[in-house]
Protein backbone atom coordinates (compact mmCIF):
# COMPACT_ATOMS: atom_id res chain seq x y z
CA MET A 1 98.88 82.16 52.91
CA SER A 2 98.46 85.01 55.41
CA ALA A 3 98.60 85.25 59.03
CA ARG A 4 95.95 84.42 61.44
CA LEU A 5 94.78 88.07 62.25
CA ILE A 6 94.20 88.57 66.14
CA ASP A 7 91.57 90.68 66.37
CA GLY A 8 92.09 92.76 69.72
CA THR A 9 89.23 94.92 69.63
CA ALA A 10 86.86 91.56 70.00
CA ILE A 11 89.08 89.82 72.91
CA ALA A 12 88.69 93.30 74.68
CA GLN A 13 85.38 93.28 74.08
CA GLY A 14 84.94 90.14 75.71
CA ILE A 15 87.12 90.92 78.86
CA ARG A 16 84.89 93.82 79.45
CA ALA A 17 81.99 92.20 79.26
CA GLU A 18 83.38 90.33 82.14
CA VAL A 19 84.54 93.19 83.99
CA THR A 20 81.06 94.68 83.62
CA GLU A 21 79.61 91.37 85.54
CA GLN A 22 82.24 91.73 88.37
CA VAL A 23 81.32 95.70 88.72
CA SER A 24 77.75 93.93 88.98
CA GLY A 25 78.32 91.60 91.52
CA LEU A 26 80.24 94.59 93.76
CA ARG A 27 78.11 96.96 93.24
CA ALA A 28 75.18 94.71 95.14
CA ARG A 29 77.59 94.78 97.96
CA GLY A 30 78.15 98.87 97.69
CA VAL A 31 81.36 98.77 96.25
CA VAL A 32 81.09 101.06 93.13
CA PRO A 33 85.01 100.91 91.64
CA GLY A 34 85.96 104.24 90.57
CA LEU A 35 88.61 105.29 88.45
CA ALA A 36 90.24 108.83 88.11
CA VAL A 37 92.49 110.21 84.83
CA VAL A 38 94.42 113.05 84.97
CA LEU A 39 95.28 115.21 82.10
CA VAL A 40 97.53 118.10 82.01
CA GLY A 41 97.57 120.23 79.08
CA GLN A 42 96.42 120.05 75.32
CA ASP A 43 97.90 117.08 73.82
CA PRO A 44 95.29 115.70 71.68
CA ALA A 45 96.45 111.87 71.32
CA SER A 46 95.77 112.02 75.14
CA GLU A 47 92.49 113.80 74.85
CA ILE A 48 91.14 111.15 73.02
CA TYR A 49 92.67 108.23 74.98
CA VAL A 50 90.87 109.88 77.99
CA ARG A 51 87.82 110.15 76.81
CA MET A 52 87.75 106.57 75.91
CA LYS A 53 88.75 105.35 79.21
CA GLY A 54 86.02 107.51 80.69
CA LYS A 55 83.52 105.95 78.25
CA ALA A 56 84.70 102.30 79.08
CA CYS A 57 84.49 103.02 82.97
CA LEU A 58 80.84 104.60 82.53
CA ASP A 59 79.87 101.18 79.97
CA ALA A 60 81.03 99.14 82.32
CA GLY A 61 78.89 100.79 85.52
CA MET A 62 81.67 102.03 86.99
CA HIS A 63 82.16 105.45 88.49
CA SER A 64 84.57 107.84 86.56
CA GLU A 65 86.45 111.25 87.41
CA THR A 66 88.15 113.07 84.82
CA VAL A 67 90.83 115.65 86.07
CA VAL A 68 92.01 118.22 82.87
CA LEU A 69 94.41 120.73 84.41
CA PRO A 70 96.25 123.70 82.21
CA ALA A 71 99.38 123.04 81.32
CA GLU A 72 100.93 126.12 83.22
CA THR A 73 99.75 123.46 86.24
CA THR A 74 103.20 123.55 88.57
CA GLU A 75 104.12 120.27 90.23
CA GLU A 76 103.02 121.13 93.36
CA GLY A 77 99.16 121.83 92.36
CA LEU A 78 99.65 118.53 90.10
CA LEU A 79 100.68 116.43 93.40
CA ALA A 80 97.65 118.37 95.30
CA VAL A 81 95.46 116.67 93.07
CA ILE A 82 96.95 113.08 93.47
CA ASP A 83 96.94 113.63 96.84
CA ARG A 84 93.18 114.63 96.72
CA LEU A 85 92.58 111.38 94.81
CA ASN A 86 94.42 109.32 97.33
CA ALA A 87 92.10 110.50 100.04
CA ASP A 88 88.99 110.13 98.10
CA PRO A 89 87.08 106.91 98.90
CA ALA A 90 85.38 107.09 95.39
CA ILE A 91 88.39 106.78 93.88
CA HIS A 92 90.08 103.23 93.52
CA GLY A 93 92.35 103.62 90.64
CA ILE A 94 94.45 106.66 89.73
CA LEU A 95 96.63 107.50 86.45
CA CYS A 96 97.83 110.58 85.25
CA GLN A 97 98.11 109.92 81.64
CA LEU A 98 101.78 111.15 80.22
CA PRO A 99 103.24 112.53 78.90
CA VAL A 100 103.02 115.27 81.53
CA PRO A 101 104.67 118.77 80.84
CA PRO A 102 108.51 119.05 80.89
CA HIS A 103 108.61 121.68 84.13
CA ILE A 104 106.91 118.29 85.80
CA HIS A 105 108.83 115.58 86.23
CA ALA A 106 106.51 112.27 86.03
CA GLU A 107 108.39 110.19 88.12
CA LYS A 108 107.41 112.11 91.10
CA ILE A 109 103.71 112.38 89.86
CA LEU A 110 103.69 108.73 89.33
CA PHE A 111 105.41 107.88 92.82
CA ARG A 112 102.98 109.85 94.68
CA ILE A 113 100.12 107.78 93.76
CA ASP A 114 98.96 105.52 96.44
CA PRO A 115 100.16 102.19 95.53
CA ARG A 116 96.75 100.81 96.11
CA LYS A 117 95.31 102.65 93.41
CA ASP A 118 98.80 102.41 90.99
CA VAL A 119 96.46 100.86 88.26
CA ASP A 120 99.06 101.44 85.95
CA GLY A 121 101.43 99.49 87.93
CA PHE A 122 104.23 102.01 87.65
CA HIS A 123 105.03 102.53 91.22
CA PRO A 124 107.97 100.64 92.60
CA LEU A 125 105.87 98.41 94.79
CA ASN A 126 103.34 97.66 91.93
CA VAL A 127 106.79 96.76 90.03
CA GLY A 128 108.34 94.74 92.86
CA LYS A 129 104.96 93.04 93.30
CA VAL A 130 104.81 92.19 89.81
CA VAL A 131 108.53 91.02 89.92
CA LEU A 132 108.06 88.56 92.62
CA GLY A 133 104.59 87.09 91.53
CA ASP A 134 102.61 88.82 94.32
CA PRO A 135 98.58 88.48 93.18
CA THR A 136 98.08 92.31 94.42
CA GLY A 137 100.56 93.51 92.43
CA PHE A 138 98.95 95.52 89.61
CA ARG A 139 100.27 94.59 86.23
CA PRO A 140 101.11 97.36 83.56
CA ALA A 141 98.17 97.38 81.64
CA THR A 142 99.76 97.37 77.95
CA PRO A 143 101.91 94.02 79.37
CA TYR A 144 99.41 92.24 80.94
CA GLY A 145 96.88 93.34 77.24
CA VAL A 146 99.98 91.48 75.84
CA GLN A 147 99.79 88.49 77.93
CA GLN A 148 96.08 88.07 78.00
CA ILE A 149 95.80 88.50 74.30
CA LEU A 150 98.41 85.10 73.95
CA ILE A 151 96.49 83.46 76.57
CA ARG A 152 92.83 84.12 74.86
CA SER A 153 93.99 82.89 71.40
CA ALA A 154 95.47 79.65 72.53
CA ILE A 155 99.01 80.85 71.74
CA GLU A 156 101.39 78.56 73.82
CA THR A 157 104.25 80.81 75.57
CA ARG A 158 105.54 77.51 77.60
CA GLY A 159 108.84 76.37 75.87
CA ALA A 160 109.08 79.31 73.37
CA HIS A 161 111.03 81.77 72.56
CA VAL A 162 109.78 85.21 72.99
CA VAL A 163 112.01 88.05 71.70
CA ILE A 164 110.79 91.44 72.61
CA VAL A 165 112.14 94.33 70.54
CA GLY A 166 111.90 97.41 73.52
CA ARG A 167 113.17 98.10 77.03
CA SER A 168 110.93 100.37 77.94
CA ASN A 169 109.70 100.41 81.58
CA LEU A 170 106.11 100.47 80.20
CA VAL A 171 106.21 97.42 77.96
CA GLY A 172 109.55 95.60 77.46
CA LYS A 173 110.86 94.73 80.44
CA PRO A 174 107.26 93.90 82.87
CA LEU A 175 106.30 91.72 79.55
CA SER A 176 109.67 90.14 79.94
CA ASN A 177 109.19 89.02 83.35
CA MET A 178 105.23 88.32 82.81
CA LEU A 179 105.82 86.04 80.21
CA SER A 180 108.73 83.91 81.97
CA ARG A 181 107.42 83.47 85.04
CA PRO A 182 105.46 80.54 85.51
CA GLY A 183 101.93 79.44 84.69
CA PRO A 184 99.67 80.42 81.88
CA GLY A 185 100.95 83.04 79.57
CA GLY A 186 104.08 82.15 80.99
CA ASP A 187 107.18 79.96 81.07
CA ALA A 188 108.92 81.25 78.00
CA THR A 189 112.21 82.07 77.10
CA VAL A 190 112.73 85.34 76.86
CA THR A 191 115.17 87.64 74.82
CA ILE A 192 114.89 91.93 75.11
CA ALA A 193 116.16 93.48 72.02
CA HIS A 194 117.09 97.08 71.77
CA SER A 195 118.70 99.63 69.32
CA ARG A 196 122.11 98.37 70.35
CA THR A 197 121.81 94.55 69.46
CA ARG A 198 123.47 93.48 67.37
CA ASP A 199 122.13 91.64 63.93
CA LEU A 200 118.71 91.90 64.91
CA PRO A 201 116.85 90.45 62.20
CA ALA A 202 118.65 87.59 62.79
CA LEU A 203 118.35 87.58 66.50
CA CYS A 204 114.26 88.37 65.44
CA ARG A 205 114.11 85.15 63.21
CA THR A 206 114.82 83.24 66.07
CA ALA A 207 111.33 84.06 67.70
CA ASP A 208 108.31 81.56 68.15
CA ILE A 209 106.82 84.97 69.24
CA LEU A 210 108.04 88.24 68.54
CA VAL A 211 106.79 91.51 70.33
CA ALA A 212 107.80 94.92 68.69
CA ALA A 213 107.44 97.69 71.15
CA MET A 214 109.62 100.45 69.91
CA GLY A 215 107.58 103.18 68.75
CA LYS A 216 109.05 103.48 65.26
CA ALA A 217 107.09 102.80 62.40
CA GLU A 218 107.39 99.36 60.11
CA PHE A 219 110.73 99.34 61.69
CA ILE A 220 110.41 95.49 61.49
CA GLY A 221 110.36 93.76 58.12
CA VAL A 222 109.62 90.39 57.11
CA ASP A 223 113.18 89.59 56.85
CA ALA A 224 113.29 90.05 60.74
CA ILE A 225 110.06 87.07 60.99
CA GLN A 226 110.70 83.33 61.10
CA PRO A 227 107.86 81.67 58.85
CA GLY A 228 104.55 80.48 61.25
CA ALA A 229 105.88 83.34 64.23
CA THR A 230 103.45 85.11 66.27
CA VAL A 231 103.79 88.52 66.10
CA ILE A 232 102.41 90.90 68.31
CA ASP A 233 102.96 94.95 66.98
CA VAL A 234 102.71 97.43 69.89
CA GLY A 235 103.61 100.51 68.78
CA THR A 236 101.35 103.07 67.60
CA THR A 237 102.81 106.06 65.16
CA ARG A 238 100.99 108.58 63.11
CA VAL A 239 102.46 108.24 59.72
CA ALA A 240 101.64 111.07 56.78
CA ASP A 241 99.42 109.74 54.09
CA ALA A 242 97.90 112.20 52.00
CA SER A 243 94.94 109.56 50.50
CA ARG A 244 93.74 109.35 53.66
CA PRO A 245 91.07 112.08 55.32
CA LYS A 246 92.95 113.39 58.11
CA GLY A 247 96.64 113.20 56.24
CA PHE A 248 98.03 110.28 58.16
CA ARG A 249 97.34 106.82 59.08
CA LEU A 250 98.14 104.76 62.10
CA ALA A 251 101.35 102.42 61.75
CA GLY A 252 102.98 99.46 64.01
CA ASP A 253 106.55 99.01 64.20
CA ILE A 254 105.76 96.03 61.95
CA ALA A 255 105.62 96.01 58.05
CA PHE A 256 102.34 94.76 58.38
CA GLU A 257 101.68 93.61 54.70
CA PRO A 258 104.61 91.86 54.24
CA VAL A 259 105.21 90.41 57.33
CA ARG A 260 101.70 88.44 57.29
CA GLU A 261 102.78 86.69 54.62
CA VAL A 262 105.07 85.08 56.28
CA ALA A 263 103.73 85.26 59.69
CA GLY A 264 101.32 82.53 61.49
CA ALA A 265 99.04 84.74 63.38
CA ILE A 266 99.52 88.78 63.73
CA THR A 267 97.93 91.72 65.41
CA PRO A 268 97.05 94.92 63.78
CA VAL A 269 97.54 98.68 64.13
CA PRO A 270 94.91 99.83 64.94
CA GLY A 271 92.81 97.02 66.51
CA GLY A 272 95.04 94.57 67.89
CA VAL A 273 97.07 95.79 71.61
CA GLY A 274 95.52 99.36 71.77
CA PRO A 275 91.88 98.12 72.94
CA MET A 276 93.68 95.84 75.09
CA THR A 277 95.17 98.30 77.18
CA ILE A 278 92.13 99.85 77.98
CA ALA A 279 90.75 96.74 78.96
CA MET A 280 92.77 95.70 81.16
CA LEU A 281 93.08 98.93 82.98
CA LEU A 282 89.40 98.26 83.70
CA VAL A 283 90.52 95.18 85.29
CA ASN A 284 93.10 96.35 87.46
CA THR A 285 90.53 98.90 88.57
CA VAL A 286 87.90 96.20 89.63
CA GLN A 287 91.32 94.49 91.30
CA ALA A 288 91.86 97.62 93.21
CA ALA A 289 88.30 98.40 94.14
CA THR A 290 87.66 94.66 95.48
CA LEU A 291 91.64 94.95 97.66
CA ALA A 292 90.17 98.15 98.91
CA ALA A 293 86.75 95.95 99.97
CA ALA A 294 88.15 93.23 101.44
CA SER A 295 90.38 95.21 103.54
CA ARG A 296 87.74 97.53 105.40
């Protein structure tokens, strides 16, 4: 029997409806949450994503600002833009779309963002807060989205063995911390696997919940799945496909069709984790605006 399909789009729509209601409450108090997105260069995928973020903000009744800079922008020029946004009281959240051109040090830019406006959760101060369980810290949007998928799909994490394949600072590491902490969507026993892990399929087969976050198309096959396991696919890769109008299709890190015949529940690509990332970014921006209003 095929696995239950977890509809990330529907879950994200529910969260965005909650955000819209929260924004309405803030606006009644004279606070309009504002999100600024900075894009350097012309990366087609990034441009689409930035437009989606801007539309999501406007749909929720939030203020949105998009700053598009040419690829030849200097590091000093980009830092000046960040400084301006840091000082702008109408902006509560700032994110710089990655990747940036190679002559710009991404960490230097990300660390320049005011931690109180770091809605991507990349600043060391927010990383530390999330590790310590400080509720004022911003959880990175993609791991936050994965956790909400599990919670809102009634998938029990308490006592479960979660295997996360991928050890990045963007997904694997923060998600490991979030799922192992006490509370809803937590209390799991978490193993982080990666490219150096011995006998990866055997380890993955021990997972009650398997999270794939490597960015390698269809890397994990059915031999790595425990029957009945929940499979969360974070990866999104363009794969050439002459049968498609655009000449490509989007694939996750999981070999979807064979795996869905063994798993108990699975997220698709697209329509799984992707929509959740934008939804949780809006949640973080509302959190930033709420904290800013409380500190005035």
